[in-house]
Every structure is written in C-alpha cells, then in structure tokens.
C-alpha cells in the first residue's frame, strides 16, 4: 500500500511539473504581448499621421482650385463690369504710361532738334568756306534722309548751292551765273531766330510732337520766314509759318 501511494505521489509530481512546463511558454508569450501591442500602437499612430497629411494635402489642392476658380470668376466679372474700379485703375495706369512715353518721345525730338541746329551752323560755315563771296538766300533742312542740308546763296554775279549729308559730308556743289540777283533776298543766320526756336514755336502752335522739315527764305512781301512741317506720331500736322525776325506765327496750314 505504501508503495502504491509513493508511486502515485511520484506520478502527481511529474504531472505537475509537465503542466508547469507547458504553462511557461504562455507566460513568456504574455510578456512579449505588450511589446507587440506597443509596436502595433506605433504603427497605428504612423498610419493616422499619414492619413492626416494626405487629408491636409487634399484640402490644400481643393483650396487652390477654389482660389483659381474665384480668380477666373473675377476675370469674367471684370470683363462684364466695364468701368468698375479695377478698369478705371487700369485705364489710369495706361494713360500715365502713354503720357510718360509721349513726354520721353518729345524730349528725344527736342534733343535731335538741338543737334540739327548745331549741325546747321556748321553746314553754313562749310558753305561760306566753299563760296567766300556768297551770302545766304535760302536754307532747307530735312530731319531724315541722306541729303539733310541744302543751302543756297548768291553774290552780285553768281548763284551758289551746297548740299550736305547728315554727317556734313558734301553731297552736291553748284555754282552758276546769276540773273537779276537782289541784295534784299540775302540774310545772315544771326539776324533770324534759330531753327531750334522756330521748332519750339511751331510745335506749340500745332500741338505736334516732331518737326520733319524746315525752310528759311524771303517771301514775296519782303520778309523772311521759317516754314516748319510737323508730325504727330505718323500723322502729318501741316505747316507753321513763322516770322523769322520776330518769332510771330503768321499762318498755320493744317493737312
């Protein structure tokens, strides 16, 4: 009987040990589970952040599309609402820009006139070098072209003419016997207003922005006149006739 009890106890102990051994992996698994849960929680947080970032990106794109749509609508509104504040401001900016450009063009034209006036004085000096005995009877000047200056003069016996380019190179020189030469037709350049002065008077009279041609000579009434051809952009503004001694406008022939 004692042997049976001892054997039974041994069997129970062995069974208990086996049960304990089987239970141990389960406990280890339980110890590992928190780590697994932590990793799973971190993965969930990362996924949530990605979802939030994706949502923000979608909202940003949606906002951009909405803003572009609003701008397009504003543009349509501007086209439909002629004369609103935006249109008036744009019109004001264009007017200011055109005015500045016009003033700049006029300053450029005035600068050219000053240069032409100086070149004319040198052209007259060249004429006198070529024909020492001659006195001036007429002057013609072109703002553009190969033959810019044409100067004519005379003495008691002959008529003279000299044509010069814009660089004052001699283009043509003529000398011929004169007939019925009249000293009253002759003048000195310092006895009349300058080409530049005549231009300023003519531009103001015609409200033009550029002079294209000048002519100075004695008229049938015995007086000397500047005749200035004018232009505003590409449009001709006619001719202004100016008393070359007093600077008074005596006629304005509009085209």
Protein backbone atom coordinates (compact mmCIF):
# COMPACT_ATOMS: atom_id res chain seq x y z
CA UNK A 1 0.00 0.00 0.00
CA UNK A 2 2.80 2.45 0.84
CA UNK A 3 4.49 1.64 -2.43
CA UNK A 4 1.30 2.42 -4.28
CA UNK A 5 0.95 5.74 -2.51
CA UNK A 6 4.59 6.63 -3.22
CA UNK A 7 4.21 5.76 -6.89
CA UNK A 8 1.03 7.79 -7.05
CA UNK A 9 2.78 10.80 -5.49
CA UNK A 10 5.61 10.48 -7.96
CA UNK A 11 3.15 10.45 -10.84
CA UNK A 12 1.37 13.53 -9.48
CA UNK A 13 4.64 15.41 -9.11
CA UNK A 14 5.62 14.51 -12.64
CA UNK A 15 2.24 15.66 -13.93
CA UNK A 16 2.52 18.93 -12.04
CA UNK A 17 5.98 19.55 -13.49
CA UNK A 18 4.73 18.88 -17.01
CA UNK A 19 1.82 21.24 -16.51
CA UNK A 20 4.19 23.91 -15.21
CA UNK A 21 6.49 23.48 -18.22
CA UNK A 22 3.56 23.82 -20.62
CA UNK A 23 2.35 26.95 -18.83
CA UNK A 24 5.75 28.71 -19.01
CA UNK A 25 5.69 29.50 -22.78
CA UNK A 26 2.28 31.01 -22.33
CA UNK A 27 3.66 33.36 -19.65
CA UNK A 28 6.57 34.30 -21.92
CA UNK A 29 4.09 34.93 -24.67
CA UNK A 30 2.19 37.15 -22.28
CA UNK A 31 5.39 39.04 -21.52
CA UNK A 32 6.03 39.57 -25.25
CA UNK A 33 2.49 40.69 -25.98
CA UNK A 34 2.94 44.21 -24.52
CA UNK A 35 5.86 44.85 -26.90
CA UNK A 36 3.79 43.65 -29.79
CA UNK A 37 0.93 45.85 -28.67
CA UNK A 38 3.31 48.85 -28.42
CA UNK A 39 4.60 48.26 -31.96
CA UNK A 40 1.04 47.90 -33.19
CA UNK A 41 0.09 51.15 -31.46
CA UNK A 42 3.05 52.98 -33.08
CA UNK A 43 2.04 51.63 -36.49
CA UNK A 44 -1.48 52.91 -35.89
CA UNK A 45 -0.16 56.37 -34.97
CA UNK A 46 2.03 56.49 -38.10
CA UNK A 47 -0.93 55.50 -40.24
CA UNK A 48 -3.05 58.19 -38.61
CA UNK A 49 -0.38 60.83 -39.32
CA UNK A 50 -0.17 59.72 -42.96
CA UNK A 51 -3.94 59.92 -43.26
CA UNK A 52 -3.93 63.40 -41.69
CA UNK A 53 -1.14 64.59 -44.04
CA UNK A 54 -2.99 63.20 -47.05
CA UNK A 55 -6.16 64.92 -45.92
CA UNK A 56 -4.31 68.25 -45.50
CA UNK A 57 -2.81 67.90 -48.98
CA UNK A 58 -6.23 67.26 -50.45
CA UNK A 59 -7.63 70.30 -48.63
CA UNK A 60 -4.75 72.45 -49.95
CA UNK A 61 -5.36 71.32 -53.54
CA UNK A 62 -9.07 71.91 -53.09
CA UNK A 63 -8.36 75.41 -51.75
CA UNK A 64 -6.04 76.17 -54.71
CA UNK A 65 -8.68 75.02 -57.18
CA UNK A 66 -11.25 77.13 -55.39
CA UNK A 67 -8.98 80.21 -55.47
CA UNK A 68 -8.22 79.70 -59.17
CA UNK A 69 -11.92 79.35 -59.85
CA UNK A 70 -12.59 82.57 -57.92
CA UNK A 71 -9.87 84.42 -59.87
CA UNK A 72 -11.35 83.18 -63.12
CA UNK A 73 -14.76 84.36 -61.96
CA UNK A 74 -13.25 87.74 -61.04
CA UNK A 75 -11.75 88.00 -64.51
CA UNK A 76 -15.13 87.29 -66.04
CA UNK A 77 -16.66 89.86 -63.75
CA UNK A 78 -14.06 92.42 -64.84
CA UNK A 79 -14.93 91.75 -68.45
CA UNK A 80 -18.62 92.09 -67.76
CA UNK A 81 -18.39 95.09 -65.42
CA UNK A 82 -16.79 97.64 -67.70
CA UNK A 83 -15.93 100.88 -65.97
CA UNK A 84 -15.62 99.44 -62.46
CA UNK A 85 -12.81 100.48 -60.13
CA UNK A 86 -10.35 97.86 -61.48
CA UNK A 87 -10.98 99.04 -65.04
CA UNK A 88 -10.59 102.69 -64.06
CA UNK A 89 -7.31 101.96 -62.28
CA UNK A 90 -6.02 100.01 -65.30
CA UNK A 91 -7.09 102.83 -67.61
CA UNK A 92 -5.34 105.34 -65.37
CA UNK A 93 -2.12 103.29 -65.45
CA UNK A 94 -2.25 103.06 -69.26
CA UNK A 95 -2.86 106.79 -69.57
CA UNK A 96 0.06 107.56 -67.26
CA UNK A 97 2.34 105.20 -69.18
CA UNK A 98 1.33 106.69 -72.54
CA UNK A 99 1.83 110.20 -71.19
CA UNK A 100 5.32 109.33 -69.94
CA UNK A 101 6.17 107.75 -73.29
CA UNK A 102 4.88 110.82 -75.15
CA UNK A 103 6.95 113.14 -72.95
CA UNK A 104 10.00 110.93 -73.49
CA UNK A 105 9.45 110.99 -77.28
CA UNK A 106 9.12 114.78 -77.21
CA UNK A 107 12.32 115.16 -75.17
CA UNK A 108 14.07 112.93 -77.72
CA UNK A 109 12.74 115.08 -80.57
CA UNK A 110 13.93 118.25 -78.84
CA UNK A 111 17.37 116.74 -78.38
CA UNK A 112 17.51 115.93 -82.11
CA UNK A 113 16.46 119.48 -82.98
CA UNK A 114 19.25 120.89 -80.82
CA UNK A 115 21.73 118.66 -82.63
CA UNK A 116 20.33 119.63 -86.04
CA UNK A 117 20.55 123.32 -85.11
CA UNK A 118 24.21 122.91 -84.26
CA UNK A 119 24.85 120.94 -87.46
CA UNK A 120 23.12 123.68 -89.46
CA UNK A 121 25.54 126.27 -88.11
CA UNK A 122 28.44 124.06 -89.20
CA UNK A 123 26.81 123.50 -92.59
CA UNK A 124 26.52 127.27 -93.13
CA UNK A 125 30.18 127.65 -92.15
CA UNK A 126 31.06 124.99 -94.73
CA UNK A 127 29.03 126.88 -97.36
CA UNK A 128 30.98 130.06 -96.67
CA UNK A 129 34.24 128.16 -96.88
CA UNK A 130 33.25 126.85 -100.32
CA UNK A 131 31.89 130.20 -101.55
CA UNK A 132 33.56 133.06 -99.64
CA UNK A 133 31.81 135.87 -101.55
CA UNK A 134 28.30 134.41 -101.28
CA UNK A 135 25.55 135.48 -98.89
CA UNK A 136 22.67 133.24 -97.81
CA UNK A 137 19.36 133.38 -99.68
CA UNK A 138 17.63 130.17 -98.51
CA UNK A 139 18.05 127.15 -96.25
CA UNK A 140 16.25 123.80 -96.36
CA UNK A 141 16.71 121.10 -93.74
CA UNK A 142 15.35 117.54 -93.62
CA UNK A 143 15.07 115.72 -90.29
CA UNK A 144 15.89 112.44 -92.04
CA UNK A 145 17.47 111.35 -95.27
CA UNK A 146 20.84 111.29 -97.00
CA UNK A 147 20.63 114.94 -98.09
CA UNK A 148 19.92 116.78 -94.88
CA UNK A 149 21.06 120.35 -95.59
CA UNK A 150 20.54 122.36 -98.79
CA UNK A 151 21.96 125.88 -98.63
CA UNK A 152 21.68 128.50 -101.35
CA UNK A 153 23.33 131.89 -101.71
CA UNK A 154 24.46 134.50 -104.17
CA UNK A 155 26.67 137.46 -104.83
CA UNK A 156 26.27 140.13 -107.48
CA UNK A 157 27.26 137.79 -110.29
CA UNK A 158 26.59 134.17 -109.37
CA UNK A 159 24.22 131.77 -107.63
CA UNK A 160 25.58 129.05 -105.36
CA UNK A 161 24.18 125.91 -103.74
CA UNK A 162 25.64 123.30 -101.43
CA UNK A 163 24.00 120.03 -100.34
CA UNK A 164 25.36 118.16 -97.32
CA UNK A 165 24.59 114.82 -95.68
CA UNK A 166 23.73 114.36 -92.01
CA UNK A 167 27.44 113.87 -91.28
CA UNK A 168 28.13 117.18 -93.11
CA UNK A 169 29.83 115.43 -96.00
CA UNK A 170 29.33 117.33 -99.27
CA UNK A 171 26.77 115.59 -101.49
CA UNK A 172 26.49 118.20 -104.25
CA UNK A 173 28.06 121.58 -105.02
CA UNK A 174 26.83 124.02 -107.69
CA UNK A 175 27.92 127.39 -108.99
CA UNK A 176 26.36 129.25 -111.93
CA UNK A 177 25.98 132.71 -113.36
CA UNK A 178 23.14 134.54 -111.69
CA UNK A 179 20.45 136.76 -113.19
CA UNK A 180 18.52 139.57 -111.51
CA UNK A 181 20.18 138.94 -108.18
CA UNK A 182 18.69 141.15 -105.47
CA UNK A 183 20.58 142.03 -102.28
CA UNK A 184 17.24 142.18 -100.45
CA UNK A 185 16.99 138.39 -100.79
CA UNK A 186 20.11 137.91 -98.69
CA UNK A 187 20.38 137.38 -94.94
CA UNK A 188 22.77 136.42 -92.19
CA UNK A 189 21.98 133.50 -89.87
CA UNK A 190 22.45 135.63 -86.76
CA UNK A 191 19.74 138.04 -87.97
CA UNK A 192 16.91 135.49 -87.57
CA UNK A 193 15.65 133.18 -84.82
CA UNK A 194 17.36 129.81 -84.74
CA UNK A 195 15.97 126.59 -86.15
CA UNK A 196 15.51 125.32 -82.59
CA UNK A 197 13.48 128.40 -81.56
CA UNK A 198 11.33 128.15 -84.67
CA UNK A 199 10.68 124.48 -83.91
CA UNK A 200 9.55 125.16 -80.34
CA UNK A 201 7.12 127.82 -81.57
CA UNK A 202 5.73 125.55 -84.30
CA UNK A 203 5.28 122.52 -82.02
CA UNK A 204 3.37 124.62 -79.52
CA UNK A 205 1.16 126.16 -82.19
CA UNK A 206 0.23 122.84 -83.83
CA UNK A 207 0.35 120.69 -80.68
CA UNK A 208 2.58 118.27 -82.53
CA UNK A 209 5.47 116.22 -81.21
CA UNK A 210 8.00 116.32 -84.03
CA UNK A 211 9.28 118.59 -86.80
CA UNK A 212 10.27 116.91 -90.05
CA UNK A 213 11.33 119.73 -92.39
CA UNK A 214 12.43 123.37 -92.18
CA UNK A 215 12.72 126.11 -94.79
CA UNK A 216 14.01 129.67 -94.39
CA UNK A 217 13.84 132.30 -97.14
CA UNK A 218 12.49 135.71 -98.13
CA UNK A 219 8.84 135.79 -99.12
CA UNK A 220 7.12 137.97 -101.71
CA UNK A 221 6.29 140.57 -99.05
CA UNK A 222 9.99 141.18 -98.46
CA UNK A 223 10.12 139.42 -95.05
CA UNK A 224 11.99 136.28 -94.07
CA UNK A 225 10.01 133.32 -92.75
CA UNK A 226 10.62 129.94 -91.23
CA UNK A 227 8.26 127.27 -92.58
CA UNK A 228 8.17 124.19 -90.35
CA UNK A 229 6.49 120.90 -91.34
CA UNK A 230 5.17 118.92 -88.39
CA UNK A 231 4.06 115.44 -87.46
CA UNK A 232 2.30 113.83 -84.51
CA UNK A 233 3.28 110.18 -84.49
CA UNK A 234 2.66 109.08 -88.07
CA UNK A 235 0.04 111.76 -88.72
CA UNK A 236 1.02 114.93 -90.53
CA UNK A 237 0.13 118.11 -88.65
CA UNK A 238 0.65 120.55 -91.51
CA UNK A 239 2.97 123.55 -91.76
CA UNK A 240 3.51 126.53 -89.47
CA UNK A 241 4.81 129.79 -90.95
CA UNK A 242 6.81 131.97 -88.55
CA UNK A 243 8.26 135.46 -88.92
CA UNK A 244 11.99 134.71 -88.79
CA UNK A 245 12.81 138.03 -87.12
CA UNK A 246 10.02 138.45 -84.55
CA UNK A 247 9.11 134.79 -83.95
CA UNK A 248 5.42 135.51 -84.53
CA UNK A 249 3.23 132.80 -86.07
CA UNK A 250 1.67 134.26 -89.21
CA UNK A 251 -0.01 131.15 -90.63
CA UNK A 252 -0.83 127.54 -89.80
CA UNK A 253 -1.82 125.35 -92.73
CA UNK A 254 -3.31 122.09 -91.43
CA UNK A 255 -3.44 118.99 -93.60
